[in-house]
C-alpha atoms as a PDB file:
ATOM      1  CA  MET A   1      88.500  75.220  75.844  1.00  0.00           C
ATOM      2  CA  ASN A   2      90.420  72.432  77.531  1.00  0.00           C
ATOM      3  CA  GLN A   3      93.331  74.832  78.032  1.00  0.00           C
ATOM      4  CA  ILE A   4      91.053  77.385  79.699  1.00  0.00           C
ATOM      5  CA  VAL A   5      89.575  74.769  82.047  1.00  0.00           C
ATOM      6  CA  TYR A   6      93.044  73.458  82.948  1.00  0.00           C
ATOM      7  CA  ILE A   7      94.454  76.890  83.766  1.00  0.00           C
ATOM      8  CA  ILE A   8      91.399  77.840  85.837  1.00  0.00           C
ATOM      9  CA  LEU A   9      91.660  74.579  87.805  1.00  0.00           C
ATOM     10  CA  VAL A  10      95.370  75.181  88.475  1.00  0.00           C
ATOM     11  CA  LEU A  11      94.756  78.744  89.603  1.00  0.00           C
ATOM     12  CA  CYS A  12      91.814  77.652  91.756  1.00  0.00           C
ATOM     13  CA  PHE A  13      94.052  75.155  93.504  1.00  0.00           C
ATOM     14  CA  LYS A  14      96.685  77.841  93.987  1.00  0.00           C
ATOM     15  CA  GLY A  15      94.114  80.170  95.505  1.00  0.00           C
ATOM     16  CA  TRP A  16      92.762  77.473  97.806  1.00  0.00           C
ATOM     17  CA  LEU A  17      96.290  76.527  98.843  1.00  0.00           C
ATOM     18  CA  LEU A  18      97.172  80.112  99.733  1.00  0.00           C
ATOM     19  CA  THR A  19      93.929  80.459 101.684  1.00  0.00           C
ATOM     20  CA  GLY A  20      94.639  77.177 103.451  1.00  0.00           C
ATOM     21  CA  CYS A  21      98.162  78.233 104.370  1.00  0.00           C
ATOM     22  CA  ASN A  22      96.890  81.467 105.875  1.00  0.00           C
ATOM     23  CA  GLN A  23      94.333  79.567 107.918  1.00  0.00           C
ATOM     24  CA  ILE A  24      96.964  77.121 109.131  1.00  0.00           C
ATOM     25  CA  ILE A  25      99.075  80.038 110.313  1.00  0.00           C
ATOM     26  CA  ASP A  26      96.005  81.274 112.212  1.00  0.00           C
ATOM     27  CA  LYS A  27      95.550  77.737 113.609  1.00  0.00           C
ATOM     28  CA  GLN A  28      92.363  77.148 111.634  1.00  0.00           C
ATOM     29  CA  PRO A  29      91.654  74.150 109.380  1.00  0.00           C
ATOM     30  CA  PRO A  30      91.805  75.032 105.662  1.00  0.00           C
ATOM     31  CA  THR A  31      88.409  75.278 103.981  1.00  0.00           C
ATOM     32  CA  LEU A  32      86.962  76.282 100.625  1.00  0.00           C
ATOM     33  CA  SER A  33      84.807  78.980 102.219  1.00  0.00           C
ATOM     34  CA  ASN A  34      86.779  81.814 100.639  1.00  0.00           C
ATOM     35  CA  THR A  35      87.094  80.250  97.199  1.00  0.00           C
ATOM     36  CA  PRO A  36      84.092  82.097  95.649  1.00  0.00           C
ATOM     37  CA  ASP A  37      85.664  85.413  96.650  1.00  0.00           C
ATOM     38  CA  ILE A  38      88.810  84.733  94.644  1.00  0.00           C
ATOM     39  CA  LEU A  39      87.197  83.172  91.564  1.00  0.00           C
ATOM     40  CA  PRO A  40      86.760  86.437  89.578  1.00  0.00           C
ATOM     41  CA  GLY A  41      90.453  87.258  89.939  1.00  0.00           C
ATOM     42  CA  ILE A  42      91.447  83.690  89.066  1.00  0.00           C
ATOM     43  CA  ILE A  43      89.345  83.701  85.901  1.00  0.00           C
ATOM     44  CA  GLN A  44      90.778  87.060  84.874  1.00  0.00           C
ATOM     45  CA  GLU A  45      94.346  85.813  85.418  1.00  0.00           C
ATOM     46  CA  ALA A  46      93.602  82.667  83.383  1.00  0.00           C
ATOM     47  CA  ASN A  47      92.230  84.730  80.493  1.00  0.00           C
ATOM     48  CA  GLU A  48      95.284  86.987  80.541  1.00  0.00           C
ATOM     49  CA  LYS A  49      97.638  84.005  80.398  1.00  0.00           C
ATOM     50  CA  ILE A  50      95.768  82.505  77.442  1.00  0.00           C
ATOM     51  CA  GLN A  51      95.585  85.757  75.504  1.00  0.00           C
ATOM     52  CA  LYS A  52      99.334  86.424  75.720  1.00  0.00           C
ATOM     53  CA  ARG A  53     101.317  85.112  72.757  1.00  0.00           C
ATOM     54  CA  TRP A  54     104.716  84.161  74.201  1.00  0.00           C
ATOM     55  CA  TYR A  55     107.825  83.601  72.085  1.00  0.00           C
ATOM     56  CA  TYR A  56     110.563  81.280  73.354  1.00  0.00           C
ATOM     57  CA  SER A  57     113.347  81.702  70.775  1.00  0.00           C
ATOM     58  CA  LEU A  58     115.010  84.648  69.054  1.00  0.00           C
ATOM     59  CA  GLU A  59     114.662  82.976  65.692  1.00  0.00           C
ATOM     60  CA  GLU A  60     110.908  82.776  66.033  1.00  0.00           C
ATOM     61  CA  ALA A  61     110.610  86.278  67.457  1.00  0.00           C
ATOM     62  CA  MET A  62     112.656  87.896  64.672  1.00  0.00           C
ATOM     63  CA  GLN A  63     110.314  86.553  62.012  1.00  0.00           C
ATOM     64  CA  LYS A  64     107.674  89.061  63.148  1.00  0.00           C
ATOM     65  CA  PRO A  65     109.532  91.563  65.362  1.00  0.00           C
ATOM     66  CA  ASP A  66     106.719  94.126  65.397  1.00  0.00           C
ATOM     67  CA  SER A  67     104.255  91.533  66.732  1.00  0.00           C
ATOM     68  CA  VAL A  68     106.329  90.359  69.703  1.00  0.00           C
ATOM     69  CA  LYS A  69     105.070  91.548  73.083  1.00  0.00           C
ATOM     70  CA  TYR A  70     106.058  88.622  75.316  1.00  0.00           C
ATOM     71  CA  LEU A  71     109.477  86.965  75.106  1.00  0.00           C
ATOM     72  CA  SER A  72     111.063  84.347  77.375  1.00  0.00           C
ATOM     73  CA  LEU A  73     114.697  83.333  76.846  1.00  0.00           C
ATOM     74  CA  ARG A  74     115.261  81.693  80.222  1.00  0.00           C
ATOM     75  CA  GLU A  75     118.265  79.415  80.666  1.00  0.00           C
ATOM     76  CA  GLN A  76     119.504  79.546  77.069  1.00  0.00           C
ATOM     77  CA  GLY A  77     123.190  80.022  77.830  1.00  0.00           C
ATOM     78  CA  PHE A  78     123.594  83.561  76.530  1.00  0.00           C
ATOM     79  CA  GLU A  79     127.013  84.937  77.499  1.00  0.00           C
ATOM     80  CA  VAL A  80     126.165  88.353  76.029  1.00  0.00           C
ATOM     81  CA  PHE A  81     122.807  90.083  76.092  1.00  0.00           C
ATOM     82  CA  PRO A  82     121.237  89.368  72.662  1.00  0.00           C
ATOM     83  CA  LYS A  83     121.179  92.656  70.750  1.00  0.00           C
ATOM     84  CA  GLU A  84     118.339  91.350  68.573  1.00  0.00           C
ATOM     85  CA  ILE A  85     115.990  91.939  71.503  1.00  0.00           C
ATOM     86  CA  LEU A  86     116.462  95.692  71.038  1.00  0.00           C
ATOM     87  CA  GLN A  87     114.665  95.459  67.682  1.00  0.00           C
ATOM     88  CA  LEU A  88     111.451  94.362  69.419  1.00  0.00           C
ATOM     89  CA  GLN A  89     110.074  97.840  69.953  1.00  0.00           C
ATOM     90  CA  ASN A  90     106.634  96.614  71.063  1.00  0.00           C
ATOM     91  CA  LEU A  91     108.013  94.259  73.715  1.00  0.00           C
ATOM     92  CA  GLU A  92     106.046  94.449  76.979  1.00  0.00           C
ATOM     93  CA  GLU A  93     107.370  91.512  79.009  1.00  0.00           C
ATOM     94  CA  LEU A  94     110.886  90.039  78.867  1.00  0.00           C
ATOM     95  CA  ASP A  95     112.206  87.116  80.880  1.00  0.00           C
ATOM     96  CA  ILE A  96     115.909  86.556  80.338  1.00  0.00           C
ATOM     97  CA  SER A  97     116.702  84.923  83.659  1.00  0.00           C
ATOM     98  CA  MET A  98     119.248  82.159  84.271  1.00  0.00           C
ATOM     99  CA  ASN A  99     121.750  83.250  81.616  1.00  0.00           C
ATOM    100  CA  LEU A 100     125.456  84.068  81.794  1.00  0.00           C
ATOM    101  CA  PHE A 101     125.915  87.712  80.725  1.00  0.00           C
ATOM    102  CA  LEU A 102     127.381  90.196  83.217  1.00  0.00           C
ATOM    103  CA  ASN A 103     125.736  93.409  82.047  1.00  0.00           C
ATOM    104  CA  LEU A 104     122.690  94.815  80.337  1.00  0.00           C
ATOM    105  CA  PRO A 105     123.484  97.045  77.317  1.00  0.00           C
ATOM    106  CA  ASP A 106     123.101 100.826  77.519  1.00  0.00           C
ATOM    107  CA  SER A 107     120.554 100.562  74.723  1.00  0.00           C
ATOM    108  CA  ILE A 108     118.147  98.620  76.959  1.00  0.00           C
ATOM    109  CA  GLY A 109     116.477 101.962  77.594  1.00  0.00           C
ATOM    110  CA  LYS A 110     115.114 101.947  74.036  1.00  0.00           C
ATOM    111  CA  LEU A 111     112.489  99.344  74.937  1.00  0.00           C
ATOM    112  CA  LYS A 112     109.966 102.017  75.809  1.00  0.00           C
ATOM    113  CA  GLU A 113     106.950  99.675  75.985  1.00  0.00           C
ATOM    114  CA  LEU A 114     108.550  97.260  78.452  1.00  0.00           C
ATOM    115  CA  ARG A 115     106.371  96.717  81.542  1.00  0.00           C
ATOM    116  CA  GLU A 116     107.988  93.627  83.083  1.00  0.00           C
ATOM    117  CA  LEU A 117     111.646  92.614  83.095  1.00  0.00           C
ATOM    118  CA  SER A 118     113.039  89.523  84.796  1.00  0.00           C
ATOM    119  CA  CYS A 119     116.810  88.981  84.962  1.00  0.00           C
ATOM    120  CA  SER A 120     116.981  86.699  87.978  1.00  0.00           C
ATOM    121  CA  TYR A 121     119.394  83.891  88.883  1.00  0.00           C
ATOM    122  CA  GLY A 122     122.200  85.247  86.756  1.00  0.00           C
ATOM    123  CA  TYR A 123     125.546  87.024  86.939  1.00  0.00           C
ATOM    124  CA  LEU A 124     124.620  90.694  86.516  1.00  0.00           C
ATOM    125  CA  GLU A 125     127.195  92.935  88.160  1.00  0.00           C
ATOM    126  CA  ASN A 126     125.655  96.323  87.435  1.00  0.00           C
ATOM    127  CA  LEU A 127     122.782  98.064  85.706  1.00  0.00           C
ATOM    128  CA  PRO A 128     123.180 100.790  83.077  1.00  0.00           C
ATOM    129  CA  VAL A 129     122.023 104.335  83.823  1.00  0.00           C
ATOM    130  CA  SER A 130     119.751 104.046  80.791  1.00  0.00           C
ATOM    131  CA  ILE A 131     117.525 101.564  82.635  1.00  0.00           C
ATOM    132  CA  GLY A 132     115.854 104.685  83.997  1.00  0.00           C
ATOM    133  CA  ASN A 133     114.517 105.325  80.484  1.00  0.00           C
ATOM    134  CA  LEU A 134     112.159 102.352  80.770  1.00  0.00           C
ATOM    135  CA  GLU A 135     109.385 104.753  81.640  1.00  0.00           C
ATOM    136  CA  ASN A 136     106.593 102.130  81.568  1.00  0.00           C
ATOM    137  CA  LEU A 137     108.368  99.499  83.663  1.00  0.00           C
ATOM    138  CA  GLU A 138     106.130  98.188  86.466  1.00  0.00           C
ATOM    139  CA  ARG A 139     107.836  94.969  87.538  1.00  0.00           C
ATOM    140  CA  LEU A 140     111.593  94.317  87.815  1.00  0.00           C
ATOM    141  CA  TRP A 141     113.038  91.098  89.201  1.00  0.00           C
ATOM    142  CA  LEU A 142     116.808  90.961  89.766  1.00  0.00           C
ATOM    143  CA  LEU A 143     116.808  88.118  92.281  1.00  0.00           C
ATOM    144  CA  ASP A 144     120.150  86.371  92.930  1.00  0.00           C
ATOM    145  CA  ASN A 145     122.731  88.322  90.914  1.00  0.00           C
ATOM    146  CA  ASN A 146     125.960  90.171  91.825  1.00  0.00           C
ATOM    147  CA  ILE A 147     124.559  93.702  91.888  1.00  0.00           C
ATOM    148  CA  LYS A 148     126.246  95.874  94.529  1.00  0.00           C
ATOM    149  CA  GLU A 149     124.538  99.206  93.873  1.00  0.00           C
ATOM    150  CA  LEU A 150     121.833 100.823  91.784  1.00  0.00           C
ATOM    151  CA  PRO A 151     122.583 103.415  89.070  1.00  0.00           C
ATOM    152  CA  ILE A 152     121.663 107.074  89.411  1.00  0.00           C
ATOM    153  CA  GLY A 153     118.998 106.806  86.737  1.00  0.00           C
ATOM    154  CA  PHE A 154     117.114 104.191  88.720  1.00  0.00           C
ATOM    155  CA  GLN A 155     114.929 106.744  90.500  1.00  0.00           C
ATOM    156  CA  LYS A 156     113.336 107.628  87.144  1.00  0.00           C
ATOM    157  CA  LEU A 157     111.372 104.356  87.167  1.00  0.00           C
ATOM    158  CA  ILE A 158     108.382 106.124  88.683  1.00  0.00           C
ATOM    159  CA  LYS A 159     105.831 103.547  87.472  1.00  0.00           C
ATOM    160  CA  LEU A 160     107.631 100.651  89.164  1.00  0.00           C
ATOM    161  CA  LYS A 161     105.306  98.650  91.423  1.00  0.00           C
ATOM    162  CA  SER A 162     107.285  95.480  92.183  1.00  0.00           C
ATOM    163  CA  LEU A 163     111.048  95.212  92.706  1.00  0.00           C
ATOM    164  CA  ASN A 164     112.979  92.143  93.837  1.00  0.00           C
ATOM    165  CA  LEU A 165     116.630  92.675  94.806  1.00  0.00           C
ATOM    166  CA  ALA A 166     116.956  89.627  97.059  1.00  0.00           C
ATOM    167  CA  LEU A 167     120.270  87.765  97.202  1.00  0.00           C
ATOM    168  CA  ASN A 168     122.402  90.571  95.783  1.00  0.00           C
ATOM    169  CA  PRO A 169     125.598  91.670  97.620  1.00  0.00           C
ATOM    170  CA  MET A 170     124.466  95.207  98.408  1.00  0.00           C
ATOM    171  CA  LYS A 171     126.254  96.785 101.356  1.00  0.00           C
ATOM    172  CA  THR A 172     124.192  99.914 101.906  1.00  0.00           C
ATOM    173  CA  LEU A 173     120.604 101.038 101.686  1.00  0.00           C
ATOM    174  CA  PRO A 174     119.887 102.154  98.073  1.00  0.00           C
ATOM    175  CA  LYS A 175     118.703 105.753  98.449  1.00  0.00           C
ATOM    176  CA  GLU A 176     117.655 105.705  94.782  1.00  0.00           C
ATOM    177  CA  LEU A 177     114.554 103.803  95.873  1.00  0.00           C
ATOM    178  CA  PHE A 178     113.166 106.656  97.953  1.00  0.00           C
ATOM    179  CA  LYS A 179     111.631 108.374  94.919  1.00  0.00           C
ATOM    180  CA  LEU A 180     109.781 105.304  93.652  1.00  0.00           C
ATOM    181  CA  VAL A 181     106.534 106.364  95.280  1.00  0.00           C
ATOM    182  CA  ASN A 182     104.390 103.844  93.365  1.00  0.00           C
ATOM    183  CA  LEU A 183     106.247 100.822  94.720  1.00  0.00           C
ATOM    184  CA  GLU A 184     103.917  98.244  96.245  1.00  0.00           C
ATOM    185  CA  GLU A 185     106.375  95.364  96.792  1.00  0.00           C
ATOM    186  CA  LEU A 186     110.089  95.520  97.554  1.00  0.00           C
ATOM    187  CA  SER A 187     112.270  92.586  98.571  1.00  0.00           C
ATOM    188  CA  PHE A 188     115.863  92.507  99.777  1.00  0.00           C
ATOM    189  CA  GLY A 189     115.668  88.916 101.010  1.00  0.00           C
ATOM    190  CA  ALA A 190     117.484  87.319 103.904  1.00  0.00           C
ATOM    191  CA  PRO A 191     121.274  87.561 104.325  1.00  0.00           C
ATOM    192  CA  THR A 192     123.384  84.536 103.428  1.00  0.00           C
ATOM    193  CA  PRO A 193     126.997  83.623 104.283  1.00  0.00           C
ATOM    194  CA  ASP A 194     128.061  85.566 101.172  1.00  0.00           C
ATOM    195  CA  ILE A 195     125.651  88.475 101.578  1.00  0.00           C
ATOM    196  CA  ASP A 196     125.767  90.388 104.832  1.00  0.00           C
ATOM    197  CA  LEU A 197     123.378  93.250 104.094  1.00  0.00           C
ATOM    198  CA  VAL A 198     121.795  94.043 107.441  1.00  0.00           C
ATOM    199  CA  PHE A 199     119.454  96.985 108.023  1.00  0.00           C
ATOM    200  CA  THR A 200     119.387  98.935 111.238  1.00  0.00           C
ATOM    201  CA  LYS A 201     116.083  99.952 112.746  1.00  0.00           C
ATOM    202  CA  THR A 202     116.764 103.533 111.657  1.00  0.00           C
ATOM    203  CA  GLU A 203     117.354 102.467 108.059  1.00  0.00           C
ATOM    204  CA  ARG A 204     114.161 100.436 108.038  1.00  0.00           C
ATOM    205  CA  GLU A 205     112.141 103.335 109.392  1.00  0.00           C
ATOM    206  CA  GLU A 206     113.702 105.735 106.898  1.00  0.00           C
ATOM    207  CA  MET A 207     112.794 103.573 103.921  1.00  0.00           C
ATOM    208  CA  GLN A 208     109.290 102.902 105.164  1.00  0.00           C
ATOM    209  CA  LYS A 209     108.824 106.652 105.687  1.00  0.00           C
ATOM    210  CA  HIS A 210     109.684 107.342 102.054  1.00  0.00           C
ATOM    211  CA  LEU A 211     107.624 104.378 100.782  1.00  0.00           C
ATOM    212  CA  PRO A 212     104.586 104.350 103.081  1.00  0.00           C
ATOM    213  CA  ASN A 213     102.393 102.299 100.738  1.00  0.00           C
ATOM    214  CA  CYS A 214     104.984  99.628  99.998  1.00  0.00           C
ATOM    215  CA  TYR A 215     105.373  96.205 101.573  1.00  0.00           C
ATOM    216  CA  ILE A 216     109.109  95.854 102.213  1.00  0.00           C
ATOM    217  CA  ASP A 217     110.770  92.520 102.909  1.00  0.00           C
ATOM    218  CA  PHE A 218     113.990  93.233 104.778  1.00  0.00           C
ATOM    219  CA  GLY A 219     114.647  89.531 105.184  1.00  0.00           C
ATOM    220  CA  ASN A 220     114.493  89.658 108.986  1.00  0.00           C
ATOM    221  CA  SER A 221     117.971  91.144 108.897  1.00  0.00           C
ATOM    222  CA  GLU A 222     117.593  93.789 111.579  1.00  0.00           C
ATOM    223  CA  LYS A 223     120.534  94.517 113.825  1.00  0.00           C
END
């Protein structure tokens, strides 16, 4: 019970803070007037967080591989993608960010139940074609890697709703994204001294035409 109360309080504060920030942008003082409107969603999110049984080590996960749905191996120094993960056939959410491996294995496509995959802040140089076999994938975060292009199979991720490609050294607009009609959020992030991806107005309009229901963050990189 204490855990439930704590999570709800944290999420309430987050909701109030976001509301306050929006009001500040509109030059209005932050208030709690909108808090009741966001409470149902906050309570639902808190319940979901509590109900998820997360595993934080391979050793623990491999003791009951069929029971593992949520696995986080962030910042554990893996130089090669751990092949043991491929035995977790019921895995739904995987966070393997902040590690050292350069590639995902071709067999990653066997994780048919995977809905969320986070491989951010790493050294990924490319994605395997088989990533398109993750037919249930809804959220993919590849923030801050070394990915220059997307594989041909990428357009098969038709259930994808959220995609973050910010801070990757892409040089051209990925046309593979045009077929992801269920995308709701797409981020390329702002250019940096090492990343000079800049979209023309025509490119922006072309992508928005193909993804009319998607919020696209071009990183204010128009030229």
